[in-house]
Protein backbone atom coordinates (compact mmCIF):
# COMPACT_ATOMS: atom_id res chain seq x y z
CA ALA A 1 -10.16 -12.66 11.52
CA ARG A 2 -12.37 -9.83 11.09
CA SER A 3 -9.51 -7.56 12.01
CA PHE A 4 -7.47 -9.17 9.25
CA ALA A 5 -10.28 -8.89 6.73
CA ASP A 6 -10.84 -5.33 7.68
CA ILE A 7 -6.98 -5.17 6.95
CA GLY A 8 -7.32 -6.84 3.44
CA ASP A 9 -10.27 -4.19 2.56
CA ILE A 10 -8.34 -1.20 3.30
CA ILE A 11 -5.61 -2.66 1.30
CA ARG A 12 -7.39 -3.46 -1.66
CA GLY A 13 -9.00 -0.19 -1.47
CA LYS A 14 -12.42 -1.91 -0.57
CA ASP A 15 -13.20 -0.74 2.60
CA LEU A 16 -16.51 0.47 2.59
CA TYR A 17 -16.56 2.35 6.11
CA LEU A 18 -16.13 5.99 4.86
CA GLY A 19 -15.51 7.49 8.42
CA GLY A 20 -17.80 9.57 11.45
CA ASN A 21 -16.12 12.69 12.21
CA THR A 22 -14.02 14.99 10.34
CA LYS A 23 -11.14 13.96 12.24
CA GLU A 24 -11.64 9.98 11.07
CA LYS A 25 -12.31 11.10 7.27
CA ARG A 26 -8.50 13.04 7.48
CA GLN A 27 -6.80 9.99 8.98
CA ARG A 28 -8.86 7.94 6.40
CA GLN A 29 -7.52 10.30 3.53
CA LYS A 30 -4.03 10.13 4.68
CA ILE A 31 -3.49 6.39 4.96
CA GLU A 32 -5.73 6.16 1.61
CA ASP A 33 -2.81 8.71 -0.10
CA ASN A 34 -0.23 6.76 1.45
CA LEU A 35 -1.88 3.58 0.22
CA LYS A 36 -1.71 5.01 -2.79
CA GLU A 37 1.67 6.17 -3.38
CA ILE A 38 3.08 2.60 -1.78
CA PHE A 39 0.87 1.15 -5.09
CA GLU A 40 2.05 3.52 -7.13
CA ASN A 41 5.70 3.10 -6.10
CA ILE A 42 5.35 -1.21 -6.20
CA GLN A 43 4.43 -0.14 -9.74
CA SER A 44 6.86 1.71 -11.35
CA SER A 45 9.88 -0.40 -10.02
CA ASN A 46 8.43 -3.25 -11.63
CA GLY A 47 7.75 -3.42 -14.98
CA GLU A 48 4.90 -6.08 -15.33
CA LEU A 49 2.84 -4.20 -13.62
CA GLU A 50 3.29 -1.19 -14.98
CA ARG A 51 -0.30 -1.94 -17.23
CA LEU A 52 -2.01 -3.20 -14.35
CA PRO A 53 -4.67 -0.38 -13.06
CA LEU A 54 -3.91 0.66 -8.98
CA ASP A 55 -6.44 -1.06 -7.47
CA LYS A 56 -5.66 -4.53 -9.75
CA ILE A 57 -1.97 -3.95 -8.00
CA ARG A 58 -3.39 -3.62 -4.78
CA GLU A 59 -4.81 -7.13 -5.13
CA TYR A 60 -1.89 -8.94 -6.43
CA TRP A 61 -0.28 -7.27 -3.34
CA TRP A 62 -2.73 -8.66 -1.30
CA ASP A 63 -3.34 -12.27 -2.45
CA ALA A 64 0.74 -12.18 -2.11
CA ASN A 65 1.45 -10.80 1.27
CA ARG A 66 -2.06 -11.93 2.80
CA LYS A 67 0.32 -15.10 4.54
CA GLU A 68 2.85 -12.31 6.18
CA VAL A 69 -0.16 -10.46 7.32
CA TRP A 70 -1.62 -13.38 9.46
CA LYS A 71 1.72 -13.95 10.66
CA ALA A 72 2.20 -10.34 12.14
CA ILE A 73 -1.15 -10.28 13.68
CA THR A 74 -1.43 -13.75 15.42
CA CYS A 75 2.96 -14.07 15.89
CA SER A 76 2.28 -13.46 19.58
CA ALA A 77 -0.63 -16.03 20.08
CA ALA A 78 -0.10 -18.83 22.62
CA THR A 79 0.52 -22.25 21.52
CA GLY A 80 -2.61 -23.83 21.95
CA ASN A 81 -5.08 -20.41 20.92
CA LYS A 82 -7.24 -21.67 18.52
CA TYR A 83 -9.09 -19.77 15.82
CA PHE A 84 -12.93 -20.23 16.18
CA ARG A 85 -13.74 -22.21 12.74
CA GLY A 86 -12.49 -25.86 12.07
CA THR A 87 -10.87 -24.83 8.93
CA CYS A 88 -7.78 -27.32 9.09
CA GLY A 89 -8.32 -29.82 6.43
CA ASP A 90 -9.53 -30.61 3.37
CA LYS A 91 -13.74 -31.24 4.20
CA GLU A 92 -15.77 -29.20 6.03
CA ASN A 93 -17.10 -32.71 8.62
CA THR A 94 -13.83 -32.74 9.71
CA ALA A 95 -12.00 -29.62 9.72
CA THR A 96 -9.87 -28.23 12.63
CA GLN A 97 -9.65 -25.77 14.60
CA ALA A 98 -5.68 -23.98 13.39
CA SER A 99 -4.30 -24.04 16.93
CA HIS A 100 -0.59 -23.20 16.54
CA GLN A 101 -0.41 -19.66 16.57
CA CYS A 102 -3.56 -19.72 14.54
CA ARG A 103 -2.62 -21.09 11.81
CA CYS A 104 -3.30 -24.87 10.05
CA GLY A 105 -0.43 -28.06 10.57
CA ASP A 106 1.35 -29.53 13.44
CA GLY A 107 3.44 -26.96 15.05
CA LYS A 108 6.46 -29.10 13.99
CA SER A 109 6.46 -28.43 10.37
CA LYS A 110 9.30 -25.77 9.13
CA VAL A 111 7.76 -22.24 8.77
CA GLY A 112 7.50 -21.43 5.42
CA THR A 113 6.32 -25.00 3.79
CA HIS A 114 2.39 -24.70 3.16
CA ASP A 115 1.58 -26.46 6.11
CA SER A 116 3.15 -24.28 8.82
CA ASP A 117 2.23 -21.22 7.13
CA GLN A 118 -1.59 -21.69 5.84
CA VAL A 119 -3.80 -18.69 6.80
CA PRO A 120 -6.51 -20.33 7.98
CA THR A 121 -9.68 -18.22 6.53
CA TYR A 122 -11.10 -16.27 4.03
CA PHE A 123 -12.37 -14.07 5.64
CA ASP A 124 -10.88 -11.25 4.04
CA TYR A 125 -12.47 -12.21 0.31
CA VAL A 126 -16.06 -12.18 2.33
CA PRO A 127 -17.88 -8.92 1.00
CA GLN A 128 -17.74 -6.21 4.26
CA TYR A 129 -21.41 -6.01 3.96
CA LEU A 130 -22.21 -9.61 4.82
CA ARG A 131 -19.28 -9.71 7.13
CA TRP A 132 -21.07 -7.09 8.96
CA PHE A 133 -24.29 -9.51 8.65
CA ASP A 134 -22.66 -12.04 10.48
CA GLU A 135 -21.07 -10.02 13.22
CA TRP A 136 -24.51 -7.50 13.82
CA ALA A 137 -26.98 -10.59 13.13
């Protein structure tokens, strides 16, 4: 979940890590320049997005595609692998662990339905510095 959230931060332009040495900083800048170009292309090819600032387009893209990013990260997870927290279900005290390629659902639902594709975390919307506190505490 942390890697997923970190990818979300990078895509949305909210990553706080600035890189340690000169090589890392150059790589980060190259990634940022590439992402900027990608999102400018998305903006120019969609009339509805032309008036939005790039940071809003980045947020929009992440919201629309976070499920696909989660699937890409977990596609090789074996059946039975579980997300570490109980997140499937409506109530906190009865939530179960996502155990079908780290996704909620019964593992039998048709792919593309809500139950089979639910991302079992919202860590990507927790501010990065708060995730760092949780990780390093």
